[in-house]
């Protein structure tokens, strides 16, 4: 156990032990367990020095009511040379699609609506995720979706606040992102990514669901200002024409 977090503060690795450390990638993410409960695996993630991830996770952890579609912060520690967060361990949507997509057959609409609800919750609290993709969505044992990885997330004043710079993952990020010298709204860019993920899931799993497809297309319109607000999704979704 002592080698699990070599160089870390003793308080940290006395509470958490790493599993198969040499086989784990990337190196800043470890599968760990508490010695008091070896059956329950957790994730230990080292937070980048430039990242606001721990701050954002703490805000979400203390905000009431919480969203069941956002990952929970279980613990955090400072060790030399940085911060670590402890999170629940779950499989990503991307992993299911690669290894066992049939397990998602009966859950596709629920997963897609859960993504909308989870992202709406973040936007309601003025948090832009900035990297929505299947690898950053996990499912618990009941196939309840949760948004993870707030490494590049940021707080904004509102949806009109704009930033510049390349942020996100190719194919999943909005077309306006990173097109210097243009500024863009990270909240509105999140909406595009949400629509992109929904259409991808529907296509990959052969789900027709015309209503969800119409929702996704609305989120992916080229003009960012025409993408509808996710916190008000119940209002505008009910008015979508499927013809």
C-alpha atoms as a PDB file:
ATOM      1  CA  UNK A   1       0.000   0.000   0.000  1.00  0.00           C
ATOM      2  CA  UNK A   2       2.829   2.417   0.815  1.00  0.00           C
ATOM      3  CA  UNK A   3       4.017   2.389  -2.823  1.00  0.00           C
ATOM      4  CA  UNK A   4       0.574   3.271  -4.120  1.00  0.00           C
ATOM      5  CA  UNK A   5       1.057   7.006  -3.848  1.00  0.00           C
ATOM      6  CA  UNK A   6       4.818   7.217  -3.641  1.00  0.00           C
ATOM      7  CA  UNK A   7       5.863  10.745  -2.780  1.00  0.00           C
ATOM      8  CA  UNK A   8       2.366  11.704  -1.556  1.00  0.00           C
ATOM      9  CA  UNK A   9       1.548  12.849   1.940  1.00  0.00           C
ATOM     10  CA  UNK A  10       1.195   9.923   4.332  1.00  0.00           C
ATOM     11  CA  UNK A  11      -2.291  11.017   5.328  1.00  0.00           C
ATOM     12  CA  UNK A  12      -3.377  10.478   1.730  1.00  0.00           C
ATOM     13  CA  UNK A  13      -2.092   6.982   1.114  1.00  0.00           C
ATOM     14  CA  UNK A  14      -3.021   5.756   4.565  1.00  0.00           C
ATOM     15  CA  UNK A  15      -6.636   6.314   3.531  1.00  0.00           C
ATOM     16  CA  UNK A  16      -6.470   5.261  -0.122  1.00  0.00           C
ATOM     17  CA  UNK A  17      -4.601   2.455  -1.843  1.00  0.00           C
ATOM     18  CA  UNK A  18      -4.023   2.124  -5.575  1.00  0.00           C
ATOM     19  CA  UNK A  19      -4.885  -0.970  -7.583  1.00  0.00           C
ATOM     20  CA  UNK A  20      -2.567  -2.243 -10.357  1.00  0.00           C
ATOM     21  CA  UNK A  21      -0.775   1.082 -10.433  1.00  0.00           C
ATOM     22  CA  UNK A  22       1.685   0.114 -13.164  1.00  0.00           C
ATOM     23  CA  UNK A  23      -1.100  -0.722 -15.618  1.00  0.00           C
ATOM     24  CA  UNK A  24      -3.114   2.451 -15.206  1.00  0.00           C
ATOM     25  CA  UNK A  25      -3.231   5.218 -17.809  1.00  0.00           C
ATOM     26  CA  UNK A  26      -3.250   8.159 -17.839  1.00  0.00           C
ATOM     27  CA  UNK A  27      -0.906   8.551 -14.902  1.00  0.00           C
ATOM     28  CA  UNK A  28      -2.949  11.343 -13.269  1.00  0.00           C
ATOM     29  CA  UNK A  29      -5.975   9.056 -12.853  1.00  0.00           C
ATOM     30  CA  UNK A  30      -5.789   6.061 -10.499  1.00  0.00           C
ATOM     31  CA  UNK A  31      -8.237   3.379  -9.458  1.00  0.00           C
ATOM     32  CA  UNK A  32      -8.176   3.294  -5.656  1.00  0.00           C
ATOM     33  CA  UNK A  33     -10.026   1.888  -2.677  1.00  0.00           C
ATOM     34  CA  UNK A  34     -10.326   2.631   1.005  1.00  0.00           C
ATOM     35  CA  UNK A  35      -8.649  -0.102   3.084  1.00  0.00           C
ATOM     36  CA  UNK A  36     -11.825  -0.128   5.177  1.00  0.00           C
ATOM     37  CA  UNK A  37     -13.867  -1.118   2.088  1.00  0.00           C
ATOM     38  CA  UNK A  38     -11.719  -2.881  -0.502  1.00  0.00           C
ATOM     39  CA  UNK A  39     -14.707  -3.949  -2.611  1.00  0.00           C
ATOM     40  CA  UNK A  40     -15.677  -0.407  -3.566  1.00  0.00           C
ATOM     41  CA  UNK A  41     -13.391   1.041  -6.215  1.00  0.00           C
ATOM     42  CA  UNK A  42     -12.989   4.804  -6.538  1.00  0.00           C
ATOM     43  CA  UNK A  43     -11.158   7.194  -8.824  1.00  0.00           C
ATOM     44  CA  UNK A  44      -8.285   9.382  -7.621  1.00  0.00           C
ATOM     45  CA  UNK A  45      -7.565  12.185 -10.086  1.00  0.00           C
ATOM     46  CA  UNK A  46      -4.719  14.648  -9.892  1.00  0.00           C
ATOM     47  CA  UNK A  47      -5.961  18.161 -10.672  1.00  0.00           C
ATOM     48  CA  UNK A  48      -3.895  20.249 -13.063  1.00  0.00           C
ATOM     49  CA  UNK A  49      -2.395  23.342 -11.496  1.00  0.00           C
ATOM     50  CA  UNK A  50      -4.085  25.553 -14.112  1.00  0.00           C
ATOM     51  CA  UNK A  51      -7.488  23.891 -13.708  1.00  0.00           C
ATOM     52  CA  UNK A  52     -10.541  25.093 -11.761  1.00  0.00           C
ATOM     53  CA  UNK A  53     -11.816  21.524 -11.411  1.00  0.00           C
ATOM     54  CA  UNK A  54     -11.599  21.222  -7.619  1.00  0.00           C
ATOM     55  CA  UNK A  55     -13.179  24.623  -7.088  1.00  0.00           C
ATOM     56  CA  UNK A  56     -16.055  23.785  -9.426  1.00  0.00           C
ATOM     57  CA  UNK A  57     -16.594  20.348  -7.892  1.00  0.00           C
ATOM     58  CA  UNK A  58     -16.747  21.953  -4.439  1.00  0.00           C
ATOM     59  CA  UNK A  59     -19.306  24.493  -5.646  1.00  0.00           C
ATOM     60  CA  UNK A  60     -21.449  21.724  -7.125  1.00  0.00           C
ATOM     61  CA  UNK A  61     -21.028  19.638  -3.970  1.00  0.00           C
ATOM     62  CA  UNK A  62     -22.411  22.417  -1.751  1.00  0.00           C
ATOM     63  CA  UNK A  63     -25.159  23.615  -4.103  1.00  0.00           C
ATOM     64  CA  UNK A  64     -28.685  22.535  -3.195  1.00  0.00           C
ATOM     65  CA  UNK A  65     -30.522  20.787  -4.619  1.00  0.00           C
ATOM     66  CA  UNK A  66     -27.870  18.637  -6.239  1.00  0.00           C
ATOM     67  CA  UNK A  67     -28.233  17.064  -9.667  1.00  0.00           C
ATOM     68  CA  UNK A  68     -28.132  13.285  -9.993  1.00  0.00           C
ATOM     69  CA  UNK A  69     -26.604  13.841 -13.432  1.00  0.00           C
ATOM     70  CA  UNK A  70     -23.365  15.476 -12.223  1.00  0.00           C
ATOM     71  CA  UNK A  71     -20.562  13.452 -10.604  1.00  0.00           C
ATOM     72  CA  UNK A  72     -20.186  13.852  -6.830  1.00  0.00           C
ATOM     73  CA  UNK A  73     -16.982  14.906  -5.093  1.00  0.00           C
ATOM     74  CA  UNK A  74     -16.256  12.342  -2.392  1.00  0.00           C
ATOM     75  CA  UNK A  75     -13.025  13.745  -1.021  1.00  0.00           C
ATOM     76  CA  UNK A  76     -10.008  15.904  -1.866  1.00  0.00           C
ATOM     77  CA  UNK A  77      -6.427  16.134  -0.629  1.00  0.00           C
ATOM     78  CA  UNK A  78      -3.386  18.268  -1.136  1.00  0.00           C
ATOM     79  CA  UNK A  79      -0.191  16.281  -1.648  1.00  0.00           C
ATOM     80  CA  UNK A  80       3.150  17.322  -3.017  1.00  0.00           C
ATOM     81  CA  UNK A  81       3.059  18.404  -5.768  1.00  0.00           C
ATOM     82  CA  UNK A  82      -0.659  19.074  -6.136  1.00  0.00           C
ATOM     83  CA  UNK A  83      -4.346  18.471  -5.438  1.00  0.00           C
ATOM     84  CA  UNK A  84      -6.154  15.141  -5.825  1.00  0.00           C
ATOM     85  CA  UNK A  85      -9.893  14.545  -5.936  1.00  0.00           C
ATOM     86  CA  UNK A  86     -11.681  11.305  -5.072  1.00  0.00           C
ATOM     87  CA  UNK A  87     -14.675  10.439  -7.249  1.00  0.00           C
ATOM     88  CA  UNK A  88     -17.014   7.472  -7.752  1.00  0.00           C
ATOM     89  CA  UNK A  89     -15.750   4.934 -10.311  1.00  0.00           C
ATOM     90  CA  UNK A  90     -18.156   4.234 -13.176  1.00  0.00           C
ATOM     91  CA  UNK A  91     -17.897   3.159 -16.802  1.00  0.00           C
ATOM     92  CA  UNK A  92     -18.046   5.822 -19.487  1.00  0.00           C
ATOM     93  CA  UNK A  93     -20.631   5.900 -22.235  1.00  0.00           C
ATOM     94  CA  UNK A  94     -17.727   5.608 -24.700  1.00  0.00           C
ATOM     95  CA  UNK A  95     -16.628   2.343 -23.041  1.00  0.00           C
ATOM     96  CA  UNK A  96     -20.118   0.874 -23.290  1.00  0.00           C
ATOM     97  CA  UNK A  97     -20.303   1.818 -26.966  1.00  0.00           C
ATOM     98  CA  UNK A  98     -16.975   0.101 -27.632  1.00  0.00           C
ATOM     99  CA  UNK A  99     -17.278  -3.027 -25.500  1.00  0.00           C
ATOM    100  CA  UNK A 100     -20.959  -3.774 -24.963  1.00  0.00           C
ATOM    101  CA  UNK A 101     -23.305  -1.376 -26.805  1.00  0.00           C
ATOM    102  CA  UNK A 102     -26.265  -3.762 -26.509  1.00  0.00           C
ATOM    103  CA  UNK A 103     -26.451  -2.950 -22.785  1.00  0.00           C
ATOM    104  CA  UNK A 104     -27.569   0.570 -23.752  1.00  0.00           C
ATOM    105  CA  UNK A 105     -30.353  -0.530 -26.108  1.00  0.00           C
ATOM    106  CA  UNK A 106     -33.165   0.122 -23.637  1.00  0.00           C
ATOM    107  CA  UNK A 107     -31.628   3.271 -22.143  1.00  0.00           C
ATOM    108  CA  UNK A 108     -30.786   5.562 -25.074  1.00  0.00           C
ATOM    109  CA  UNK A 109     -33.614   8.133 -24.689  1.00  0.00           C
ATOM    110  CA  UNK A 110     -33.124   8.242 -20.923  1.00  0.00           C
ATOM    111  CA  UNK A 111     -29.367   8.783 -21.333  1.00  0.00           C
ATOM    112  CA  UNK A 112     -29.908  11.607 -23.817  1.00  0.00           C
ATOM    113  CA  UNK A 113     -32.496  13.407 -21.678  1.00  0.00           C
ATOM    114  CA  UNK A 114     -30.232  12.974 -18.649  1.00  0.00           C
ATOM    115  CA  UNK A 115     -27.429  14.716 -20.529  1.00  0.00           C
ATOM    116  CA  UNK A 116     -29.765  17.638 -21.265  1.00  0.00           C
ATOM    117  CA  UNK A 117     -30.833  17.810 -17.620  1.00  0.00           C
ATOM    118  CA  UNK A 118     -27.280  17.570 -16.275  1.00  0.00           C
ATOM    119  CA  UNK A 119     -25.939  20.237 -18.604  1.00  0.00           C
ATOM    120  CA  UNK A 120     -28.968  22.425 -17.887  1.00  0.00           C
ATOM    121  CA  UNK A 121     -28.110  22.188 -14.187  1.00  0.00           C
ATOM    122  CA  UNK A 122     -24.530  23.312 -14.840  1.00  0.00           C
ATOM    123  CA  UNK A 123     -25.680  26.206 -17.005  1.00  0.00           C
ATOM    124  CA  UNK A 124     -28.269  27.243 -14.437  1.00  0.00           C
ATOM    125  CA  UNK A 125     -25.344  27.708 -12.046  1.00  0.00           C
ATOM    126  CA  UNK A 126     -23.284  29.521 -14.717  1.00  0.00           C
ATOM    127  CA  UNK A 127     -20.800  26.684 -15.220  1.00  0.00           C
ATOM    128  CA  UNK A 128     -19.647  25.864 -18.749  1.00  0.00           C
ATOM    129  CA  UNK A 129     -18.221  22.346 -19.088  1.00  0.00           C
ATOM    130  CA  UNK A 130     -16.374  22.954 -22.396  1.00  0.00           C
ATOM    131  CA  UNK A 131     -15.628  19.305 -23.202  1.00  0.00           C
ATOM    132  CA  UNK A 132     -18.889  17.380 -23.480  1.00  0.00           C
ATOM    133  CA  UNK A 133     -18.262  14.023 -25.197  1.00  0.00           C
ATOM    134  CA  UNK A 134     -19.044  10.320 -24.563  1.00  0.00           C
ATOM    135  CA  UNK A 135     -15.736   9.871 -22.701  1.00  0.00           C
ATOM    136  CA  UNK A 136     -16.869  12.473 -20.156  1.00  0.00           C
ATOM    137  CA  UNK A 137     -20.231  10.865 -19.469  1.00  0.00           C
ATOM    138  CA  UNK A 138     -20.492   7.913 -17.095  1.00  0.00           C
ATOM    139  CA  UNK A 139     -23.295   5.555 -16.112  1.00  0.00           C
ATOM    140  CA  UNK A 140     -23.945   4.129 -12.672  1.00  0.00           C
ATOM    141  CA  UNK A 141     -25.323   0.647 -12.018  1.00  0.00           C
ATOM    142  CA  UNK A 142     -28.841   1.827 -12.844  1.00  0.00           C
ATOM    143  CA  UNK A 143     -27.677   3.502 -16.083  1.00  0.00           C
ATOM    144  CA  UNK A 144     -28.162   6.955 -14.620  1.00  0.00           C
ATOM    145  CA  UNK A 145     -25.916   9.331 -16.577  1.00  0.00           C
ATOM    146  CA  UNK A 146     -23.488  11.647 -14.797  1.00  0.00           C
ATOM    147  CA  UNK A 147     -21.249  14.338 -16.292  1.00  0.00           C
ATOM    148  CA  UNK A 148     -17.581  14.083 -15.293  1.00  0.00           C
ATOM    149  CA  UNK A 149     -14.214  15.770 -15.967  1.00  0.00           C
ATOM    150  CA  UNK A 150     -14.345  19.481 -15.151  1.00  0.00           C
ATOM    151  CA  UNK A 151     -10.689  19.962 -16.055  1.00  0.00           C
ATOM    152  CA  UNK A 152     -11.361  22.795 -18.529  1.00  0.00           C
ATOM    153  CA  UNK A 153     -14.713  23.923 -17.099  1.00  0.00           C
ATOM    154  CA  UNK A 154     -15.197  27.542 -16.074  1.00  0.00           C
ATOM    155  CA  UNK A 155     -17.640  29.795 -14.297  1.00  0.00           C
ATOM    156  CA  UNK A 156     -19.186  32.614 -16.296  1.00  0.00           C
ATOM    157  CA  UNK A 157     -21.415  35.565 -15.534  1.00  0.00           C
ATOM    158  CA  UNK A 158     -24.108  34.401 -17.967  1.00  0.00           C
ATOM    159  CA  UNK A 159     -24.541  32.888 -21.417  1.00  0.00           C
ATOM    160  CA  UNK A 160     -23.461  36.160 -23.048  1.00  0.00           C
ATOM    161  CA  UNK A 161     -19.964  36.086 -21.545  1.00  0.00           C
ATOM    162  CA  UNK A 162     -17.452  35.279 -24.254  1.00  0.00           C
ATOM    163  CA  UNK A 163     -13.949  33.808 -24.249  1.00  0.00           C
ATOM    164  CA  UNK A 164     -11.358  32.999 -26.871  1.00  0.00           C
ATOM    165  CA  UNK A 165      -9.002  30.109 -27.487  1.00  0.00           C
ATOM    166  CA  UNK A 166      -9.196  26.465 -28.494  1.00  0.00           C
ATOM    167  CA  UNK A 167     -10.868  24.308 -25.843  1.00  0.00           C
ATOM    168  CA  UNK A 168     -12.504  20.913 -26.137  1.00  0.00           C
ATOM    169  CA  UNK A 169     -12.147  17.847 -28.337  1.00  0.00           C
ATOM    170  CA  UNK A 170     -12.272  17.780 -32.118  1.00  0.00           C
ATOM    171  CA  UNK A 171     -15.600  16.499 -33.527  1.00  0.00           C
ATOM    172  CA  UNK A 172     -17.373  17.254 -30.244  1.00  0.00           C
ATOM    173  CA  UNK A 173     -16.740  21.004 -30.032  1.00  0.00           C
ATOM    174  CA  UNK A 174     -18.822  23.750 -31.608  1.00  0.00           C
ATOM    175  CA  UNK A 175     -17.634  25.152 -34.966  1.00  0.00           C
ATOM    176  CA  UNK A 176     -16.991  28.626 -33.543  1.00  0.00           C
ATOM    177  CA  UNK A 177     -14.547  27.383 -30.871  1.00  0.00           C
ATOM    178  CA  UNK A 178     -10.926  28.277 -31.490  1.00  0.00           C
ATOM    179  CA  UNK A 179     -11.509  30.309 -34.633  1.00  0.00           C
ATOM    180  CA  UNK A 180      -9.231  33.228 -33.762  1.00  0.00           C
ATOM    181  CA  UNK A 181      -9.732  36.110 -33.412  1.00  0.00           C
ATOM    182  CA  UNK A 182     -13.402  35.317 -32.773  1.00  0.00           C
ATOM    183  CA  UNK A 183     -14.772  35.275 -29.233  1.00  0.00           C
ATOM    184  CA  UNK A 184     -17.489  32.759 -28.353  1.00  0.00           C
ATOM    185  CA  UNK A 185     -19.881  31.879 -25.556  1.00  0.00           C
ATOM    186  CA  UNK A 186     -18.766  28.652 -23.802  1.00  0.00           C
ATOM    187  CA  UNK A 187     -22.341  28.091 -22.616  1.00  0.00           C
ATOM    188  CA  UNK A 188     -23.674  28.204 -26.180  1.00  0.00           C
ATOM    189  CA  UNK A 189     -20.773  26.020 -27.332  1.00  0.00           C
ATOM    190  CA  UNK A 190     -21.808  23.428 -24.718  1.00  0.00           C
ATOM    191  CA  UNK A 191     -25.276  23.354 -26.283  1.00  0.00           C
ATOM    192  CA  UNK A 192     -23.814  22.431 -29.664  1.00  0.00           C
ATOM    193  CA  UNK A 193     -21.732  19.649 -28.098  1.00  0.00           C
ATOM    194  CA  UNK A 194     -24.818  18.326 -26.334  1.00  0.00           C
ATOM    195  CA  UNK A 195     -26.684  18.113 -29.639  1.00  0.00           C
ATOM    196  CA  UNK A 196     -23.699  16.438 -31.281  1.00  0.00           C
ATOM    197  CA  UNK A 197     -23.496  13.757 -28.592  1.00  0.00           C
ATOM    198  CA  UNK A 198     -27.240  13.070 -28.744  1.00  0.00           C
ATOM    199  CA  UNK A 199     -27.203  12.562 -32.517  1.00  0.00           C
ATOM    200  CA  UNK A 200     -24.116  10.368 -32.235  1.00  0.00           C
ATOM    201  CA  UNK A 201     -25.741   8.131 -29.610  1.00  0.00           C
ATOM    202  CA  UNK A 202     -28.969   7.844 -31.581  1.00  0.00           C
ATOM    203  CA  UNK A 203     -27.059   6.909 -34.747  1.00  0.00           C
ATOM    204  CA  UNK A 204     -24.639   4.494 -33.081  1.00  0.00           C
ATOM    205  CA  UNK A 205     -27.401   2.624 -31.277  1.00  0.00           C
ATOM    206  CA  UNK A 206     -29.942   2.711 -34.111  1.00  0.00           C
ATOM    207  CA  UNK A 207     -32.531   4.732 -32.190  1.00  0.00           C
ATOM    208  CA  UNK A 208     -34.993   6.701 -34.318  1.00  0.00           C
ATOM    209  CA  UNK A 209     -36.631   8.939 -31.662  1.00  0.00           C
ATOM    210  CA  UNK A 210     -37.669  11.803 -33.913  1.00  0.00           C
ATOM    211  CA  UNK A 211     -38.314  14.084 -30.940  1.00  0.00           C
ATOM    212  CA  UNK A 212     -34.769  13.767 -29.591  1.00  0.00           C
ATOM    213  CA  UNK A 213     -33.339  14.221 -33.080  1.00  0.00           C
ATOM    214  CA  UNK A 214     -35.309  17.444 -33.456  1.00  0.00           C
ATOM    215  CA  UNK A 215     -34.020  18.630 -30.076  1.00  0.00           C
ATOM    216  CA  UNK A 216     -30.423  17.846 -31.059  1.00  0.00           C
ATOM    217  CA  UNK A 217     -30.719  19.621 -34.401  1.00  0.00           C
ATOM    218  CA  UNK A 218     -32.057  22.694 -32.634  1.00  0.00           C
ATOM    219  CA  UNK A 219     -29.069  22.666 -30.274  1.00  0.00           C
ATOM    220  CA  UNK A 220     -26.671  22.379 -33.218  1.00  0.00           C
ATOM    221  CA  UNK A 221     -27.803  25.331 -35.310  1.00  0.00           C
ATOM    222  CA  UNK A 222     -24.890  27.241 -36.805  1.00  0.00           C
ATOM    223  CA  UNK A 223     -25.744  30.575 -35.172  1.00  0.00           C
ATOM    224  CA  UNK A 224     -24.824  30.221 -31.458  1.00  0.00           C
ATOM    225  CA  UNK A 225     -27.433  32.806 -30.411  1.00  0.00           C
ATOM    226  CA  UNK A 226     -30.180  30.658 -31.901  1.00  0.00           C
ATOM    227  CA  UNK A 227     -29.338  27.645 -29.751  1.00  0.00           C
ATOM    228  CA  UNK A 228     -32.002  27.399 -27.028  1.00  0.00           C
ATOM    229  CA  UNK A 229     -31.310  27.721 -23.317  1.00  0.00           C
ATOM    230  CA  UNK A 230     -30.959  24.346 -21.606  1.00  0.00           C
ATOM    231  CA  UNK A 231     -32.284  25.508 -18.193  1.00  0.00           C
ATOM    232  CA  UNK A 232     -35.528  26.311 -20.057  1.00  0.00           C
ATOM    233  CA  UNK A 233     -35.533  23.086 -22.071  1.00  0.00           C
ATOM    234  CA  UNK A 234     -38.969  21.972 -20.846  1.00  0.00           C
ATOM    235  CA  UNK A 235     -40.507  25.082 -22.401  1.00  0.00           C
ATOM    236  CA  UNK A 236     -38.951  25.011 -25.852  1.00  0.00           C
ATOM    237  CA  UNK A 237     -38.884  21.215 -26.244  1.00  0.00           C
ATOM    238  CA  UNK A 238     -42.663  21.064 -25.916  1.00  0.00           C
ATOM    239  CA  UNK A 239     -43.008  23.415 -28.864  1.00  0.00           C
ATOM    240  CA  UNK A 240     -40.738  21.579 -31.311  1.00  0.00           C
ATOM    241  CA  UNK A 241     -42.395  20.539 -34.557  1.00  0.00           C
ATOM    242  CA  UNK A 242     -41.411  17.076 -35.757  1.00  0.00           C
ATOM    243  CA  UNK A 243     -42.522  17.677 -39.333  1.00  0.00           C
END
